[in-house]
Amino acid sequence: VPISAVCFTAAANEIAVSGYGEVLFWDLEKKTINSRLKVSGRRIADIDASRDGKYLVVSSGVPGEYGVIEIFEKNADS
């Protein structure tokens, strides 16, 4: 699956990376996936995290058909 979006999260050692219908949270030190977040759209266009790390915004959809913007509250487990 091609990566179309990446962003640093508030956690110093974590990045959020697009997948097919999901966002993967990678631990940069361990080089492992910490957690996954399912999203409504299939193709993720962009990911952004709030400065305080409380929220993650994901835009996704199918080009030329529909678009979705979702705001997720990131809990301590993800």
N, C-alpha and C. Protein backbone atom coordinates (compact mmCIF):
# COMPACT_ATOMS: atom_id res chain seq x y z
N VAL A 1 0.86 -1.18 0.00
CA VAL A 1 0.00 0.00 0.00
C VAL A 1 0.89 1.23 0.00
N PRO A 2 0.72 2.13 -0.97
CA PRO A 2 1.55 3.33 -0.99
C PRO A 2 1.21 4.26 0.17
N ILE A 3 2.22 4.90 0.71
CA ILE A 3 2.03 5.88 1.78
C ILE A 3 1.73 7.22 1.14
N SER A 4 0.63 7.86 1.56
CA SER A 4 0.27 9.16 1.00
C SER A 4 0.34 10.27 2.03
N ALA A 5 0.50 9.93 3.31
CA ALA A 5 0.55 10.96 4.35
C ALA A 5 1.33 10.46 5.55
N VAL A 6 2.09 11.39 6.15
CA VAL A 6 2.87 11.10 7.35
C VAL A 6 2.86 12.35 8.22
N CYS A 7 2.77 12.19 9.53
CA CYS A 7 2.93 13.34 10.42
C CYS A 7 3.52 12.88 11.74
N PHE A 8 4.26 13.80 12.37
CA PHE A 8 4.77 13.55 13.71
C PHE A 8 3.65 13.79 14.70
N THR A 9 3.55 12.95 15.72
CA THR A 9 2.56 13.14 16.77
C THR A 9 3.23 13.89 17.92
N ALA A 10 2.48 14.15 18.97
CA ALA A 10 3.04 14.85 20.13
C ALA A 10 4.07 13.99 20.86
N ALA A 11 3.94 12.67 20.73
CA ALA A 11 4.92 11.77 21.33
C ALA A 11 6.24 11.91 20.57
N ALA A 12 7.33 12.10 21.27
CA ALA A 12 8.61 12.38 20.63
C ALA A 12 9.11 11.26 19.73
N ASN A 13 8.72 10.03 20.01
CA ASN A 13 9.25 8.89 19.27
C ASN A 13 8.21 8.23 18.38
N GLU A 14 7.15 8.96 17.96
CA GLU A 14 6.08 8.33 17.21
C GLU A 14 5.70 9.16 15.98
N ILE A 15 5.39 8.45 14.88
CA ILE A 15 4.83 9.11 13.70
C ILE A 15 3.55 8.38 13.30
N ALA A 16 2.65 9.13 12.67
CA ALA A 16 1.42 8.56 12.13
C ALA A 16 1.62 8.43 10.62
N VAL A 17 1.32 7.25 10.06
CA VAL A 17 1.55 6.95 8.66
C VAL A 17 0.27 6.40 8.04
N SER A 18 -0.06 6.86 6.82
CA SER A 18 -1.28 6.38 6.17
C SER A 18 -1.13 4.94 5.72
N GLY A 19 -2.24 4.25 5.78
CA GLY A 19 -2.35 2.89 5.26
C GLY A 19 -3.61 2.86 4.42
N TYR A 20 -4.08 1.69 4.05
CA TYR A 20 -5.32 1.56 3.28
C TYR A 20 -6.49 1.52 4.24
N GLY A 21 -7.15 2.66 4.42
CA GLY A 21 -8.28 2.73 5.34
C GLY A 21 -7.91 2.77 6.80
N GLU A 22 -6.65 3.04 7.10
CA GLU A 22 -6.22 3.12 8.48
C GLU A 22 -4.97 3.99 8.61
N VAL A 23 -4.75 4.45 9.83
CA VAL A 23 -3.53 5.18 10.17
C VAL A 23 -2.73 4.29 11.10
N LEU A 24 -1.46 4.13 10.80
CA LEU A 24 -0.57 3.32 11.63
C LEU A 24 0.30 4.24 12.46
N PHE A 25 0.44 3.95 13.75
CA PHE A 25 1.29 4.73 14.64
C PHE A 25 2.57 3.94 14.89
N TRP A 26 3.68 4.45 14.34
CA TRP A 26 4.97 3.76 14.41
C TRP A 26 5.82 4.31 15.54
N ASP A 27 6.43 3.41 16.31
CA ASP A 27 7.41 3.77 17.32
C ASP A 27 8.75 3.86 16.59
N LEU A 28 9.35 5.06 16.57
CA LEU A 28 10.58 5.26 15.81
C LEU A 28 11.79 4.57 16.42
N GLU A 29 11.80 4.41 17.74
CA GLU A 29 12.94 3.76 18.39
C GLU A 29 12.89 2.24 18.21
N LYS A 30 11.72 1.66 18.42
CA LYS A 30 11.57 0.21 18.33
C LYS A 30 11.32 -0.27 16.90
N LYS A 31 10.92 0.67 16.02
CA LYS A 31 10.59 0.34 14.63
C LYS A 31 9.46 -0.70 14.56
N THR A 32 8.44 -0.45 15.39
CA THR A 32 7.26 -1.32 15.44
C THR A 32 5.99 -0.47 15.39
N ILE A 33 4.89 -1.10 15.05
CA ILE A 33 3.60 -0.41 15.04
C ILE A 33 3.02 -0.46 16.45
N ASN A 34 2.74 0.72 17.02
CA ASN A 34 2.14 0.81 18.36
C ASN A 34 0.64 0.52 18.31
N SER A 35 -0.05 1.10 17.31
CA SER A 35 -1.49 0.94 17.21
C SER A 35 -1.96 1.29 15.81
N ARG A 36 -3.23 0.99 15.54
CA ARG A 36 -3.87 1.27 14.26
C ARG A 36 -5.17 2.01 14.52
N LEU A 37 -5.53 2.91 13.60
CA LEU A 37 -6.77 3.66 13.69
C LEU A 37 -7.52 3.51 12.38
N LYS A 38 -8.69 2.90 12.41
CA LYS A 38 -9.52 2.72 11.21
C LYS A 38 -10.18 4.05 10.86
N VAL A 39 -10.24 4.38 9.56
CA VAL A 39 -10.89 5.60 9.08
C VAL A 39 -11.97 5.23 8.06
N SER A 40 -12.88 6.19 7.79
CA SER A 40 -14.01 5.92 6.90
C SER A 40 -13.61 5.76 5.44
N GLY A 41 -12.77 6.65 4.95
CA GLY A 41 -12.39 6.61 3.55
C GLY A 41 -11.33 5.57 3.28
N ARG A 42 -11.20 5.20 2.02
CA ARG A 42 -10.21 4.18 1.66
C ARG A 42 -8.83 4.78 1.45
N ARG A 43 -8.75 5.86 0.71
CA ARG A 43 -7.45 6.46 0.40
C ARG A 43 -7.25 7.69 1.29
N ILE A 44 -6.20 7.68 2.10
CA ILE A 44 -5.92 8.79 3.00
C ILE A 44 -5.09 9.83 2.25
N ALA A 45 -5.56 11.07 2.30
CA ALA A 45 -4.88 12.16 1.61
C ALA A 45 -3.94 12.92 2.53
N ASP A 46 -4.33 13.10 3.80
CA ASP A 46 -3.51 13.89 4.71
C ASP A 46 -3.81 13.51 6.16
N ILE A 47 -2.80 13.69 7.00
CA ILE A 47 -2.90 13.45 8.43
C ILE A 47 -2.26 14.64 9.13
N ASP A 48 -2.88 15.11 10.22
CA ASP A 48 -2.26 16.16 11.02
C ASP A 48 -2.65 15.95 12.48
N ALA A 49 -1.75 16.27 13.37
CA ALA A 49 -2.00 16.14 14.80
C ALA A 49 -2.02 17.52 15.44
N SER A 50 -2.87 17.67 16.45
CA SER A 50 -2.89 18.94 17.19
C SER A 50 -1.58 19.06 17.96
N ARG A 51 -1.21 20.29 18.29
CA ARG A 51 0.06 20.51 19.01
C ARG A 51 0.12 19.81 20.36
N ASP A 52 -1.02 19.72 21.02
CA ASP A 52 -1.04 19.07 22.32
C ASP A 52 -1.15 17.54 22.21
N GLY A 53 -1.30 17.03 20.99
CA GLY A 53 -1.37 15.59 20.78
C GLY A 53 -2.70 14.96 21.11
N LYS A 54 -3.69 15.77 21.46
CA LYS A 54 -4.99 15.24 21.86
C LYS A 54 -5.84 14.80 20.67
N TYR A 55 -5.65 15.46 19.51
CA TYR A 55 -6.49 15.17 18.35
C TYR A 55 -5.65 14.82 17.12
N LEU A 56 -6.23 13.98 16.28
CA LEU A 56 -5.65 13.63 15.00
C LEU A 56 -6.72 13.90 13.95
N VAL A 57 -6.36 14.64 12.91
CA VAL A 57 -7.29 14.95 11.82
C VAL A 57 -6.85 14.16 10.59
N VAL A 58 -7.80 13.46 9.96
CA VAL A 58 -7.49 12.62 8.80
C VAL A 58 -8.46 12.98 7.67
N SER A 59 -7.90 13.29 6.50
CA SER A 59 -8.75 13.48 5.32
C SER A 59 -8.56 12.27 4.42
N SER A 60 -9.69 11.76 3.91
CA SER A 60 -9.64 10.55 3.10
C SER A 60 -10.81 10.55 2.13
N GLY A 61 -10.92 9.49 1.36
CA GLY A 61 -12.02 9.35 0.42
C GLY A 61 -11.59 8.69 -0.87
N VAL A 62 -12.39 8.87 -1.89
CA VAL A 62 -12.11 8.35 -3.23
C VAL A 62 -12.06 9.55 -4.17
N PRO A 63 -10.90 9.81 -4.79
CA PRO A 63 -10.79 10.98 -5.66
C PRO A 63 -11.88 11.02 -6.73
N GLY A 64 -12.52 12.18 -6.86
CA GLY A 64 -13.56 12.36 -7.85
C GLY A 64 -14.92 11.84 -7.44
N GLU A 65 -15.01 11.17 -6.29
CA GLU A 65 -16.29 10.61 -5.83
C GLU A 65 -16.75 11.24 -4.52
N TYR A 66 -15.94 11.17 -3.49
CA TYR A 66 -16.32 11.74 -2.20
C TYR A 66 -15.07 11.99 -1.35
N GLY A 67 -15.23 12.86 -0.37
CA GLY A 67 -14.15 13.14 0.57
C GLY A 67 -14.69 13.16 1.99
N VAL A 68 -13.83 12.80 2.92
CA VAL A 68 -14.21 12.72 4.33
C VAL A 68 -13.11 13.36 5.16
N ILE A 69 -13.51 14.17 6.14
CA ILE A 69 -12.57 14.68 7.14
C ILE A 69 -13.05 14.18 8.48
N GLU A 70 -12.16 13.50 9.20
CA GLU A 70 -12.51 12.95 10.51
C GLU A 70 -11.55 13.49 11.56
N ILE A 71 -12.08 13.77 12.74
CA ILE A 71 -11.27 14.22 13.86
C ILE A 71 -11.38 13.16 14.95
N PHE A 72 -10.23 12.63 15.34
CA PHE A 72 -10.19 11.58 16.36
C PHE A 72 -9.53 12.13 17.61
N GLU A 73 -10.08 11.76 18.76
CA GLU A 73 -9.43 12.10 20.02
C GLU A 73 -8.49 10.94 20.34
N LYS A 74 -7.22 11.26 20.46
CA LYS A 74 -6.22 10.22 20.69
C LYS A 74 -6.13 9.94 22.18
N ASN A 75 -6.44 8.72 22.56
CA ASN A 75 -6.39 8.37 23.97
C ASN A 75 -5.01 7.84 24.33
N ALA A 76 -4.81 7.54 25.58
CA ALA A 76 -3.51 7.08 26.06
C ALA A 76 -3.13 5.73 25.48
N ASP A 77 -4.09 4.93 25.01
CA ASP A 77 -3.80 3.60 24.49
C ASP A 77 -3.39 3.58 23.03
N SER A 78 -3.63 4.69 22.29
CA SER A 78 -3.29 4.65 20.86
C SER A 78 -2.28 5.70 20.50
